[in-house]
C-alpha atoms as a PDB file:
ATOM      1  CA  MET A   1     -34.622 -10.852 -51.339  1.00  0.00           C
ATOM      2  CA  LEU A   2     -35.942 -13.078 -54.108  1.00  0.00           C
ATOM      3  CA  SER A   3     -36.848 -11.582 -57.460  1.00  0.00           C
ATOM      4  CA  PRO A   4     -40.427 -10.213 -57.234  1.00  0.00           C
ATOM      5  CA  TYR A   5     -40.893 -10.879 -60.939  1.00  0.00           C
ATOM      6  CA  LEU A   6     -39.892 -14.530 -60.619  1.00  0.00           C
ATOM      7  CA  LEU A   7     -42.183 -15.015 -57.657  1.00  0.00           C
ATOM      8  CA  LEU A   8     -45.037 -13.223 -59.370  1.00  0.00           C
ATOM      9  CA  TYR A   9     -44.600 -15.603 -62.306  1.00  0.00           C
ATOM     10  CA  LYS A  10     -44.695 -18.563 -59.925  1.00  0.00           C
ATOM     11  CA  THR A  11     -47.721 -17.146 -58.158  1.00  0.00           C
ATOM     12  CA  LEU A  12     -49.680 -16.720 -61.367  1.00  0.00           C
ATOM     13  CA  LEU A  13     -48.811 -20.094 -62.876  1.00  0.00           C
ATOM     14  CA  SER A  14     -47.992 -22.422 -59.997  1.00  0.00           C
ATOM     15  CA  ARG A  15     -50.884 -24.306 -58.426  1.00  0.00           C
ATOM     16  CA  ARG A  16     -48.945 -24.521 -55.176  1.00  0.00           C
ATOM     17  CA  TYR A  17     -48.542 -20.749 -54.948  1.00  0.00           C
ATOM     18  CA  ARG A  18     -52.211 -20.179 -55.772  1.00  0.00           C
ATOM     19  CA  GLN A  19     -53.211 -22.612 -53.041  1.00  0.00           C
ATOM     20  CA  TYR A  20     -51.032 -20.866 -50.476  1.00  0.00           C
ATOM     21  CA  LEU A  21     -52.431 -17.469 -51.338  1.00  0.00           C
ATOM     22  CA  GLN A  22     -55.928 -18.878 -50.952  1.00  0.00           C
ATOM     23  CA  ARG A  23     -55.013 -20.311 -47.567  1.00  0.00           C
ATOM     24  CA  ALA A  24     -53.738 -16.883 -46.513  1.00  0.00           C
ATOM     25  CA  GLY A  25     -57.400 -15.887 -46.594  1.00  0.00           C
ATOM     26  CA  GLY A  26     -56.746 -12.391 -47.852  1.00  0.00           C
ATOM     27  CA  ASP A  27     -54.362 -11.605 -44.985  1.00  0.00           C
ATOM     28  CA  ARG A  28     -52.245  -8.808 -46.412  1.00  0.00           C
ATOM     29  CA  ASP A  29     -49.093  -9.668 -44.479  1.00  0.00           C
ATOM     30  CA  LYS A  30     -49.193 -13.365 -45.407  1.00  0.00           C
ATOM     31  CA  CYS A  31     -49.791 -12.522 -49.073  1.00  0.00           C
ATOM     32  CA  HIS A  32     -46.902 -10.038 -48.955  1.00  0.00           C
ATOM     33  CA  GLU A  33     -44.580 -12.741 -47.623  1.00  0.00           C
ATOM     34  CA  THR A  34     -45.653 -15.208 -50.305  1.00  0.00           C
ATOM     35  CA  LEU A  35     -45.464 -12.769 -53.216  1.00  0.00           C
ATOM     36  CA  LEU A  36     -42.184 -11.055 -52.354  1.00  0.00           C
ATOM     37  CA  TYR A  37     -40.251 -13.731 -50.482  1.00  0.00           C
ATOM     38  CA  GLY A  38     -41.859 -17.056 -51.400  1.00  0.00           C
ATOM     39  CA  THR A  39     -42.748 -17.795 -47.773  1.00  0.00           C
ATOM     40  CA  PHE A  40     -45.507 -20.381 -47.679  1.00  0.00           C
ATOM     41  CA  TYR A  41     -48.439 -20.370 -45.287  1.00  0.00           C
ATOM     42  CA  GLU A  42     -47.095 -23.211 -43.101  1.00  0.00           C
ATOM     43  CA  GLU A  43     -43.745 -21.462 -42.741  1.00  0.00           C
ATOM     44  CA  TYR A  44     -45.376 -18.156 -41.822  1.00  0.00           C
ATOM     45  CA  GLU A  45     -47.374 -19.891 -39.097  1.00  0.00           C
ATOM     46  CA  ALA A  46     -44.616 -22.217 -37.874  1.00  0.00           C
ATOM     47  CA  TYR A  47     -42.039 -19.463 -37.464  1.00  0.00           C
ATOM     48  CA  GLY A  48     -44.457 -17.009 -35.856  1.00  0.00           C
ATOM     49  CA  PHE A  49     -43.856 -14.337 -38.485  1.00  0.00           C
ATOM     50  CA  ALA A  50     -46.936 -12.398 -37.352  1.00  0.00           C
ATOM     51  CA  SER A  51     -45.037 -11.266 -34.256  1.00  0.00           C
ATOM     52  CA  LYS A  52     -41.588 -10.910 -35.863  1.00  0.00           C
ATOM     53  CA  SER A  53     -39.962  -7.878 -37.419  1.00  0.00           C
ATOM     54  CA  GLU A  54     -38.824  -7.773 -41.036  1.00  0.00           C
ATOM     55  CA  ASP A  55     -35.204  -8.294 -39.975  1.00  0.00           C
ATOM     56  CA  GLU A  56     -36.117 -11.259 -37.773  1.00  0.00           C
ATOM     57  CA  ARG A  57     -38.068 -12.889 -40.570  1.00  0.00           C
ATOM     58  CA  ARG A  58     -35.150 -12.713 -42.979  1.00  0.00           C
ATOM     59  CA  THR A  59     -32.985 -14.750 -40.587  1.00  0.00           C
ATOM     60  CA  TYR A  60     -35.143 -17.818 -41.321  1.00  0.00           C
ATOM     61  CA  LEU A  61     -34.249 -20.303 -44.041  1.00  0.00           C
ATOM     62  CA  THR A  62     -37.481 -20.760 -45.971  1.00  0.00           C
ATOM     63  CA  ASP A  63     -37.931 -23.351 -48.710  1.00  0.00           C
ATOM     64  CA  ALA A  64     -37.764 -20.621 -51.363  1.00  0.00           C
ATOM     65  CA  VAL A  65     -34.458 -19.268 -50.073  1.00  0.00           C
ATOM     66  CA  ARG A  66     -32.987 -22.743 -49.682  1.00  0.00           C
ATOM     67  CA  ASP A  67     -34.007 -23.715 -53.218  1.00  0.00           C
ATOM     68  CA  LYS A  68     -32.459 -20.562 -54.666  1.00  0.00           C
ATOM     69  CA  ILE A  69     -29.173 -21.233 -52.856  1.00  0.00           C
ATOM     70  CA  CYS A  70     -29.149 -24.904 -53.840  1.00  0.00           C
ATOM     71  CA  ARG A  71     -29.553 -24.001 -57.499  1.00  0.00           C
ATOM     72  CA  ARG A  72     -26.291 -22.083 -57.161  1.00  0.00           C
ATOM     73  CA  VAL A  73     -24.239 -24.658 -55.268  1.00  0.00           C
ATOM     74  CA  ASN A  74     -25.636 -28.027 -56.450  1.00  0.00           C
ATOM     75  CA  SER A  75     -25.236 -29.474 -59.938  1.00  0.00           C
ATOM     76  CA  ARG A  76     -28.301 -30.062 -62.118  1.00  0.00           C
ATOM     77  CA  ASN A  77     -27.538 -33.718 -62.591  1.00  0.00           C
ATOM     78  CA  GLY A  78     -26.928 -34.302 -58.889  1.00  0.00           C
ATOM     79  CA  SER A  79     -30.133 -32.459 -58.015  1.00  0.00           C
ATOM     80  CA  ARG A  80     -32.013 -34.627 -60.515  1.00  0.00           C
ATOM     81  CA  ILE A  81     -30.714 -37.768 -58.806  1.00  0.00           C
ATOM     82  CA  VAL A  82     -31.585 -36.520 -55.317  1.00  0.00           C
ATOM     83  CA  ALA A  83     -35.103 -35.592 -56.470  1.00  0.00           C
ATOM     84  CA  ASN A  84     -35.785 -39.190 -57.524  1.00  0.00           C
ATOM     85  CA  LYS A  85     -35.572 -41.866 -54.841  1.00  0.00           C
ATOM     86  CA  PHE A  86     -34.878 -44.674 -57.287  1.00  0.00           C
ATOM     87  CA  LEU A  87     -32.064 -42.774 -59.015  1.00  0.00           C
ATOM     88  CA  THR A  88     -30.587 -42.147 -55.573  1.00  0.00           C
ATOM     89  CA  TYR A  89     -30.769 -45.858 -54.829  1.00  0.00           C
ATOM     90  CA  THR A  90     -29.080 -46.895 -58.076  1.00  0.00           C
ATOM     91  CA  SER A  91     -26.405 -44.181 -57.700  1.00  0.00           C
ATOM     92  CA  LEU A  92     -25.568 -45.187 -54.113  1.00  0.00           C
ATOM     93  CA  LEU A  93     -26.260 -48.910 -54.353  1.00  0.00           C
ATOM     94  CA  GLN A  94     -23.124 -49.846 -52.406  1.00  0.00           C
ATOM     95  CA  PHE A  95     -24.525 -48.224 -49.249  1.00  0.00           C
ATOM     96  CA  TYR A  96     -27.907 -50.002 -49.274  1.00  0.00           C
ATOM     97  CA  HIS A  97     -28.514 -53.367 -47.629  1.00  0.00           C
ATOM     98  CA  ARG A  98     -32.122 -53.844 -48.739  1.00  0.00           C
ATOM     99  CA  ARG A  99     -33.545 -54.481 -52.189  1.00  0.00           C
ATOM    100  CA  VAL A 100     -35.459 -51.765 -53.995  1.00  0.00           C
ATOM    101  CA  TRP A 101     -37.276 -52.124 -57.324  1.00  0.00           C
ATOM    102  CA  LEU A 102     -38.970 -49.769 -59.743  1.00  0.00           C
ATOM    103  CA  LEU A 103     -42.071 -51.721 -60.706  1.00  0.00           C
ATOM    104  CA  ARG A 104     -42.124 -51.816 -64.495  1.00  0.00           C
ATOM    105  CA  GLY A 105     -43.113 -54.950 -66.313  1.00  0.00           C
ATOM    106  CA  GLU A 106     -43.876 -58.565 -65.461  1.00  0.00           C
ATOM    107  CA  GLU A 107     -40.290 -59.705 -64.933  1.00  0.00           C
ATOM    108  CA  VAL A 108     -39.734 -57.281 -62.067  1.00  0.00           C
ATOM    109  CA  LEU A 109     -43.201 -58.060 -60.723  1.00  0.00           C
ATOM    110  CA  ASP A 110     -42.398 -61.776 -60.527  1.00  0.00           C
ATOM    111  CA  GLU A 111     -39.242 -61.067 -58.515  1.00  0.00           C
ATOM    112  CA  ILE A 112     -41.091 -58.732 -56.136  1.00  0.00           C
ATOM    113  CA  VAL A 113     -43.807 -61.317 -55.571  1.00  0.00           C
ATOM    114  CA  ARG A 114     -41.185 -63.955 -54.718  1.00  0.00           C
ATOM    115  CA  VAL A 115     -39.586 -61.655 -52.132  1.00  0.00           C
ATOM    116  CA  GLY A 116     -42.999 -60.662 -50.773  1.00  0.00           C
ATOM    117  CA  MET A 117     -43.896 -64.308 -50.294  1.00  0.00           C
ATOM    118  CA  THR A 118     -40.736 -64.748 -48.217  1.00  0.00           C
ATOM    119  CA  ASP A 119     -40.839 -61.524 -46.194  1.00  0.00           C
ATOM    120  CA  GLY A 120     -44.597 -61.130 -45.793  1.00  0.00           C
ATOM    121  CA  ARG A 121     -44.389 -57.322 -45.979  1.00  0.00           C
ATOM    122  CA  LEU A 122     -43.112 -54.755 -48.502  1.00  0.00           C
ATOM    123  CA  VAL A 123     -43.237 -50.977 -48.851  1.00  0.00           C
ATOM    124  CA  ALA A 124     -44.550 -49.072 -51.882  1.00  0.00           C
ATOM    125  CA  LYS A 125     -43.795 -45.382 -52.451  1.00  0.00           C
ATOM    126  CA  PRO A 126     -43.706 -42.856 -55.301  1.00  0.00           C
ATOM    127  CA  ALA A 127     -40.157 -42.229 -56.525  1.00  0.00           C
ATOM    128  CA  ASP A 128     -40.567 -38.467 -56.655  1.00  0.00           C
ATOM    129  CA  ASN A 129     -42.770 -37.551 -53.679  1.00  0.00           C
ATOM    130  CA  CYS A 130     -41.704 -36.178 -50.305  1.00  0.00           C
ATOM    131  CA  GLY A 131     -43.192 -35.654 -46.869  1.00  0.00           C
ATOM    132  CA  GLY A 132     -44.219 -39.287 -46.505  1.00  0.00           C
ATOM    133  CA  ARG A 133     -46.940 -38.822 -49.121  1.00  0.00           C
ATOM    134  CA  GLY A 134     -48.083 -41.985 -50.857  1.00  0.00           C
ATOM    135  CA  VAL A 135     -46.015 -44.396 -48.730  1.00  0.00           C
ATOM    136  CA  GLN A 136     -47.866 -47.680 -48.224  1.00  0.00           C
ATOM    137  CA  LEU A 137     -47.109 -50.757 -46.163  1.00  0.00           C
ATOM    138  CA  MET A 138     -48.278 -53.910 -47.950  1.00  0.00           C
ATOM    139  CA  ALA A 139     -48.764 -57.316 -46.356  1.00  0.00           C
ATOM    140  CA  ALA A 140     -49.950 -60.536 -47.971  1.00  0.00           C
ATOM    141  CA  SER A 141     -49.666 -64.281 -47.500  1.00  0.00           C
ATOM    142  CA  SER A 142     -50.298 -65.666 -50.976  1.00  0.00           C
ATOM    143  CA  GLU A 143     -49.034 -65.073 -54.498  1.00  0.00           C
ATOM    144  CA  GLU A 144     -52.514 -64.172 -55.681  1.00  0.00           C
ATOM    145  CA  GLU A 145     -52.867 -61.606 -52.902  1.00  0.00           C
ATOM    146  CA  TRP A 146     -49.479 -60.055 -53.707  1.00  0.00           C
ATOM    147  CA  ARG A 147     -50.326 -59.713 -57.381  1.00  0.00           C
ATOM    148  CA  ARG A 148     -53.601 -58.056 -56.480  1.00  0.00           C
ATOM    149  CA  LEU A 149     -51.867 -55.570 -54.158  1.00  0.00           C
ATOM    150  CA  LEU A 150     -49.237 -54.746 -56.782  1.00  0.00           C
ATOM    151  CA  ALA A 151     -51.649 -54.443 -59.697  1.00  0.00           C
ATOM    152  CA  ASP A 152     -51.933 -50.647 -59.452  1.00  0.00           C
ATOM    153  CA  LYS A 153     -48.325 -49.980 -58.358  1.00  0.00           C
ATOM    154  CA  GLN A 154     -46.713 -49.801 -61.816  1.00  0.00           C
ATOM    155  CA  GLY A 155     -44.118 -47.009 -61.852  1.00  0.00           C
ATOM    156  CA  MET A 156     -43.778 -46.991 -58.064  1.00  0.00           C
ATOM    157  CA  MET A 157     -40.812 -48.045 -55.941  1.00  0.00           C
ATOM    158  CA  ILE A 158     -41.182 -51.285 -54.015  1.00  0.00           C
ATOM    159  CA  GLU A 159     -38.804 -51.863 -51.101  1.00  0.00           C
ATOM    160  CA  GLU A 160     -37.957 -54.486 -48.550  1.00  0.00           C
ATOM    161  CA  CYS A 161     -39.025 -53.343 -45.083  1.00  0.00           C
ATOM    162  CA  ILE A 162     -36.496 -51.740 -42.754  1.00  0.00           C
ATOM    163  CA  ARG A 163     -36.352 -53.440 -39.360  1.00  0.00           C
ATOM    164  CA  GLN A 164     -35.246 -50.883 -36.800  1.00  0.00           C
ATOM    165  CA  VAL A 165     -33.559 -51.409 -33.449  1.00  0.00           C
ATOM    166  CA  PRO A 166     -35.607 -51.254 -30.210  1.00  0.00           C
ATOM    167  CA  GLU A 167     -33.748 -48.112 -29.086  1.00  0.00           C
ATOM    168  CA  LEU A 168     -35.385 -46.094 -31.867  1.00  0.00           C
ATOM    169  CA  ALA A 169     -38.643 -48.066 -32.028  1.00  0.00           C
ATOM    170  CA  ARG A 170     -39.468 -47.238 -28.405  1.00  0.00           C
ATOM    171  CA  TRP A 171     -40.969 -43.831 -29.266  1.00  0.00           C
ATOM    172  CA  ASN A 172     -43.388 -45.447 -31.710  1.00  0.00           C
ATOM    173  CA  PRO A 173     -42.978 -49.076 -32.858  1.00  0.00           C
ATOM    174  CA  SER A 174     -45.426 -48.859 -35.786  1.00  0.00           C
ATOM    175  CA  SER A 175     -43.206 -46.409 -37.730  1.00  0.00           C
ATOM    176  CA  VAL A 176     -39.569 -46.506 -38.795  1.00  0.00           C
ATOM    177  CA  ASN A 177     -38.235 -43.558 -36.786  1.00  0.00           C
ATOM    178  CA  THR A 178     -35.496 -41.962 -38.842  1.00  0.00           C
ATOM    179  CA  ILE A 179     -32.675 -39.464 -38.492  1.00  0.00           C
ATOM    180  CA  ARG A 180     -32.434 -36.519 -40.895  1.00  0.00           C
ATOM    181  CA  MET A 181     -28.803 -35.448 -41.301  1.00  0.00           C
ATOM    182  CA  ASN A 182     -27.769 -32.499 -43.486  1.00  0.00           C
ATOM    183  CA  THR A 183     -24.276 -32.487 -44.986  1.00  0.00           C
ATOM    184  CA  PHE A 184     -22.122 -29.925 -46.766  1.00  0.00           C
ATOM    185  CA  ARG A 185     -19.267 -30.934 -49.022  1.00  0.00           C
ATOM    186  CA  ARG A 186     -16.265 -28.798 -49.931  1.00  0.00           C
ATOM    187  CA  ASN A 187     -13.806 -30.630 -52.144  1.00  0.00           C
ATOM    188  CA  ASP A 188     -13.035 -33.843 -50.222  1.00  0.00           C
ATOM    189  CA  THR A 189     -14.279 -32.604 -46.847  1.00  0.00           C
ATOM    190  CA  VAL A 190     -17.814 -33.161 -45.562  1.00  0.00           C
ATOM    191  CA  GLU A 191     -19.377 -31.550 -42.504  1.00  0.00           C
ATOM    192  CA  VAL A 192     -22.672 -32.353 -40.800  1.00  0.00           C
ATOM    193  CA  PHE A 193     -24.698 -29.165 -40.478  1.00  0.00           C
ATOM    194  CA  THR A 194     -27.793 -30.166 -38.493  1.00  0.00           C
ATOM    195  CA  ALA A 195     -29.590 -33.342 -37.497  1.00  0.00           C
ATOM    196  CA  PHE A 196     -32.917 -34.297 -35.975  1.00  0.00           C
ATOM    197  CA  ILE A 197     -34.977 -37.381 -35.197  1.00  0.00           C
ATOM    198  CA  ARG A 198     -38.495 -37.998 -36.483  1.00  0.00           C
ATOM    199  CA  THR A 199     -40.925 -40.203 -34.579  1.00  0.00           C
ATOM    200  CA  GLY A 200     -44.316 -41.336 -35.841  1.00  0.00           C
ATOM    201  CA  ARG A 201     -47.619 -41.518 -33.980  1.00  0.00           C
ATOM    202  CA  LYS A 202     -49.436 -44.592 -32.726  1.00  0.00           C
ATOM    203  CA  GLY A 203     -50.633 -46.781 -35.586  1.00  0.00           C
ATOM    204  CA  SER A 204     -48.854 -44.760 -38.277  1.00  0.00           C
ATOM    205  CA  PHE A 205     -46.301 -46.418 -40.530  1.00  0.00           C
ATOM    206  CA  VAL A 206     -44.475 -43.165 -41.432  1.00  0.00           C
ATOM    207  CA  ASP A 207     -42.661 -40.729 -39.145  1.00  0.00           C
ATOM    208  CA  ASN A 208     -42.835 -37.545 -41.213  1.00  0.00           C
ATOM    209  CA  GLY A 209     -44.145 -34.362 -39.600  1.00  0.00           C
ATOM    210  CA  LEU A 210     -46.563 -33.790 -42.470  1.00  0.00           C
ATOM    211  CA  GLN A 211     -48.169 -37.102 -41.517  1.00  0.00           C
ATOM    212  CA  GLY A 212     -48.498 -36.213 -37.822  1.00  0.00           C
ATOM    213  CA  GLY A 213     -45.022 -37.204 -36.602  1.00  0.00           C
ATOM    214  CA  LEU A 214     -42.852 -35.329 -34.115  1.00  0.00           C
ATOM    215  CA  PHE A 215     -39.250 -34.183 -34.395  1.00  0.00           C
ATOM    216  CA  ALA A 216     -36.436 -33.142 -32.039  1.00  0.00           C
ATOM    217  CA  SER A 217     -32.995 -31.701 -32.759  1.00  0.00           C
ATOM    218  CA  ILE A 218     -29.806 -33.710 -32.195  1.00  0.00           C
ATOM    219  CA  ASP A 219     -26.359 -32.392 -31.302  1.00  0.00           C
ATOM    220  CA  THR A 220     -24.276 -33.355 -34.341  1.00  0.00           C
ATOM    221  CA  ALA A 221     -21.088 -33.822 -32.308  1.00  0.00           C
ATOM    222  CA  THR A 222     -22.483 -36.121 -29.615  1.00  0.00           C
ATOM    223  CA  GLY A 223     -25.719 -37.629 -30.954  1.00  0.00           C
ATOM    224  CA  VAL A 224     -27.651 -36.329 -27.925  1.00  0.00           C
ATOM    225  CA  ILE A 225     -31.182 -34.972 -28.427  1.00  0.00           C
ATOM    226  CA  PHE A 226     -31.155 -31.444 -26.983  1.00  0.00           C
ATOM    227  CA  THR A 227     -34.728 -30.226 -27.549  1.00  0.00           C
ATOM    228  CA  ASP A 228     -38.230 -31.366 -26.755  1.00  0.00           C
ATOM    229  CA  GLY A 229     -40.226 -33.057 -29.477  1.00  0.00           C
ATOM    230  CA  TYR A 230     -42.346 -30.772 -31.657  1.00  0.00           C
ATOM    231  CA  ASP A 231     -45.128 -31.310 -34.132  1.00  0.00           C
ATOM    232  CA  GLU A 232     -45.698 -29.167 -37.224  1.00  0.00           C
ATOM    233  CA  LYS A 233     -48.226 -27.090 -35.271  1.00  0.00           C
ATOM    234  CA  CYS A 234     -45.232 -25.978 -33.171  1.00  0.00           C
ATOM    235  CA  ILE A 235     -46.548 -27.660 -30.026  1.00  0.00           C
ATOM    236  CA  ALA A 236     -43.753 -28.886 -27.749  1.00  0.00           C
ATOM    237  CA  HIS A 237     -43.829 -32.354 -26.184  1.00  0.00           C
ATOM    238  CA  ALA A 238     -41.305 -33.267 -23.476  1.00  0.00           C
ATOM    239  CA  VAL A 239     -42.350 -36.892 -23.990  1.00  0.00           C
ATOM    240  CA  HIS A 240     -43.945 -38.692 -26.915  1.00  0.00           C
ATOM    241  CA  PRO A 241     -47.722 -38.195 -26.567  1.00  0.00           C
ATOM    242  CA  ASP A 242     -48.473 -41.888 -27.159  1.00  0.00           C
ATOM    243  CA  SER A 243     -45.566 -43.803 -25.614  1.00  0.00           C
ATOM    244  CA  GLY A 244     -44.443 -41.324 -22.940  1.00  0.00           C
ATOM    245  CA  VAL A 245     -40.794 -41.730 -23.995  1.00  0.00           C
ATOM    246  CA  PRO A 246     -38.782 -38.513 -23.375  1.00  0.00           C
ATOM    247  CA  TYR A 247     -36.787 -36.703 -26.038  1.00  0.00           C
ATOM    248  CA  LYS A 248     -34.294 -34.319 -24.443  1.00  0.00           C
ATOM    249  CA  GLY A 249     -31.118 -36.000 -23.182  1.00  0.00           C
ATOM    250  CA  THR A 250     -31.570 -39.248 -25.120  1.00  0.00           C
ATOM    251  CA  VAL A 251     -28.402 -40.507 -26.834  1.00  0.00           C
ATOM    252  CA  ILE A 252     -28.817 -41.889 -30.349  1.00  0.00           C
ATOM    253  CA  PRO A 253     -26.851 -45.180 -30.478  1.00  0.00           C
ATOM    254  CA  ARG A 254     -23.969 -45.730 -32.892  1.00  0.00           C
ATOM    255  CA  TRP A 255     -23.954 -42.034 -33.740  1.00  0.00           C
ATOM    256  CA  ASP A 256     -20.421 -41.944 -35.120  1.00  0.00           C
ATOM    257  CA  GLU A 257     -21.406 -44.649 -37.621  1.00  0.00           C
ATOM    258  CA  ALA A 258     -24.380 -42.573 -38.794  1.00  0.00           C
ATOM    259  CA  VAL A 259     -22.136 -39.553 -39.340  1.00  0.00           C
ATOM    260  CA  ALA A 260     -19.591 -41.694 -41.200  1.00  0.00           C
ATOM    261  CA  LEU A 261     -22.284 -43.104 -43.505  1.00  0.00           C
ATOM    262  CA  ALA A 262     -23.702 -39.672 -44.348  1.00  0.00           C
ATOM    263  CA  LYS A 263     -20.233 -38.322 -45.104  1.00  0.00           C
ATOM    264  CA  ALA A 264     -19.339 -41.300 -47.295  1.00  0.00           C
ATOM    265  CA  MET A 265     -22.540 -40.930 -49.322  1.00  0.00           C
ATOM    266  CA  ALA A 266     -21.966 -37.195 -49.710  1.00  0.00           C
ATOM    267  CA  LEU A 267     -18.510 -37.888 -51.153  1.00  0.00           C
ATOM    268  CA  ALA A 268     -20.085 -40.319 -53.613  1.00  0.00           C
ATOM    269  CA  MET A 269     -22.295 -37.557 -55.054  1.00  0.00           C
ATOM    270  CA  PRO A 270     -20.069 -35.282 -57.195  1.00  0.00           C
ATOM    271  CA  GLY A 271     -21.274 -31.762 -57.839  1.00  0.00           C
ATOM    272  CA  MET A 272     -23.486 -31.662 -54.761  1.00  0.00           C
ATOM    273  CA  THR A 273     -22.541 -29.206 -52.024  1.00  0.00           C
ATOM    274  CA  TYR A 274     -25.625 -29.755 -49.886  1.00  0.00           C
ATOM    275  CA  ILE A 275     -27.780 -32.872 -49.334  1.00  0.00           C
ATOM    276  CA  GLY A 276     -30.219 -34.016 -46.663  1.00  0.00           C
ATOM    277  CA  TRP A 277     -30.011 -37.707 -45.717  1.00  0.00           C
ATOM    278  CA  ASP A 278     -32.634 -39.881 -44.037  1.00  0.00           C
ATOM    279  CA  LEU A 279     -31.126 -42.774 -42.088  1.00  0.00           C
ATOM    280  CA  ALA A 280     -32.590 -45.695 -40.133  1.00  0.00           C
ATOM    281  CA  LEU A 281     -30.793 -47.849 -37.561  1.00  0.00           C
ATOM    282  CA  THR A 282     -31.175 -51.599 -38.080  1.00  0.00           C
ATOM    283  CA  PRO A 283     -29.610 -54.450 -36.090  1.00  0.00           C
ATOM    284  CA  ASP A 284     -26.934 -54.592 -38.817  1.00  0.00           C
ATOM    285  CA  GLY A 285     -26.144 -50.869 -38.698  1.00  0.00           C
ATOM    286  CA  TRP A 286     -27.326 -47.652 -40.268  1.00  0.00           C
ATOM    287  CA  GLU A 287     -29.312 -47.901 -43.484  1.00  0.00           C
ATOM    288  CA  PRO A 288     -29.986 -45.049 -45.942  1.00  0.00           C
ATOM    289  CA  VAL A 289     -33.685 -44.430 -46.474  1.00  0.00           C
ATOM    290  CA  GLU A 290     -33.351 -41.693 -49.092  1.00  0.00           C
ATOM    291  CA  ALA A 291     -31.662 -38.426 -50.009  1.00  0.00           C
ATOM    292  CA  ASN A 292     -33.558 -35.153 -50.312  1.00  0.00           C
ATOM    293  CA  ARG A 293     -33.367 -31.365 -50.456  1.00  0.00           C
ATOM    294  CA  GLY A 294     -33.575 -31.260 -46.670  1.00  0.00           C
ATOM    295  CA  GLU A 295     -36.166 -28.760 -45.472  1.00  0.00           C
ATOM    296  CA  PHE A 296     -35.324 -26.817 -42.316  1.00  0.00           C
ATOM    297  CA  ILE A 297     -38.712 -26.310 -40.714  1.00  0.00           C
ATOM    298  CA  ALA A 298     -38.033 -28.959 -38.039  1.00  0.00           C
ATOM    299  CA  GLN A 299     -34.668 -27.548 -36.973  1.00  0.00           C
ATOM    300  CA  GLN A 300     -35.866 -23.960 -36.850  1.00  0.00           C
ATOM    301  CA  ILE A 301     -39.051 -24.820 -34.918  1.00  0.00           C
ATOM    302  CA  THR A 302     -37.247 -26.924 -32.322  1.00  0.00           C
ATOM    303  CA  GLN A 303     -34.402 -24.425 -31.868  1.00  0.00           C
ATOM    304  CA  GLY A 304     -36.630 -21.347 -32.033  1.00  0.00           C
ATOM    305  CA  ARG A 305     -34.328 -19.430 -34.361  1.00  0.00           C
ATOM    306  CA  GLY A 306     -33.493 -18.927 -38.013  1.00  0.00           C
ATOM    307  CA  LEU A 307     -30.598 -20.761 -39.665  1.00  0.00           C
ATOM    308  CA  ARG A 308     -30.306 -18.827 -42.914  1.00  0.00           C
ATOM    309  CA  LYS A 309     -26.988 -17.096 -42.180  1.00  0.00           C
ATOM    310  CA  GLU A 310     -25.351 -20.327 -41.023  1.00  0.00           C
ATOM    311  CA  PHE A 311     -26.669 -22.156 -44.076  1.00  0.00           C
ATOM    312  CA  GLU A 312     -25.284 -19.509 -46.417  1.00  0.00           C
ATOM    313  CA  GLN A 313     -21.904 -19.629 -44.702  1.00  0.00           C
ATOM    314  CA  ALA A 314     -21.817 -23.423 -44.933  1.00  0.00           C
ATOM    315  CA  CYS A 315     -22.508 -23.099 -48.668  1.00  0.00           C
ATOM    316  CA  GLY A 316     -19.565 -20.722 -48.990  1.00  0.00           C
ATOM    317  CA  LEU A 317     -21.768 -17.704 -49.798  1.00  0.00           C
END
């Protein structure tokens, strides 16, 4: 159980906690979960807590529980790097095959414009946001147009576009459909804990569930998808609702290479026991998208069970 005093402090002062209590609409059970355990409204709904016993609820790995554990097992400096996409990029530069800039000043702007003129498209995103929030696809055909598009992007990350392989684009070609892979490091050994694929919806550039995407769990040993696709409303889809491409039984290509990349990056991050990695498959191989804290709502929805005990064991707790 989390400290009630700490959570009460967060509830009183944190805008996010106040918003979640408001969304609970005065429901006593939902407010109880938020105040005493830090369970947010979306988690309560997604995991079906209304019909679960107290013991069943505590088997789920909520964001609050995960954050508390990560503060124990991950270093402050490593956590700071993972929380900032540009710091992650500069710390793991040897694993990236695309150029990424933090837009600050005219010199960097000139370089970005030159690349934009060649590529035709670039991606802008906040360095410290998650959930696909604020990600923008930019396209232009002239220097003047590029400078206009970039005029209000100071402080944001600008990236070359990732060009994914047809095998992953087939669910939804308008988004880069990525793999989330969670790793645990103990000394010089890294294990993959869970993995899932995210697929965007028709016309969307991002694949994240918060932006309407779907996700399905992957067997970490074989790279085979073993669940249906789910959205964040917990609705199951045997096939993608737009493309009709099935989920369960599909083999993710070059899986061993994805696992090897995630493990190599984990070893390059000292002081970090647990990290979530987002990976995209390009014609030249797997490409890191970003590192993150790795929420577990997708895995627990698709598998219909809580992963808290397994997570704690993987952390050595």
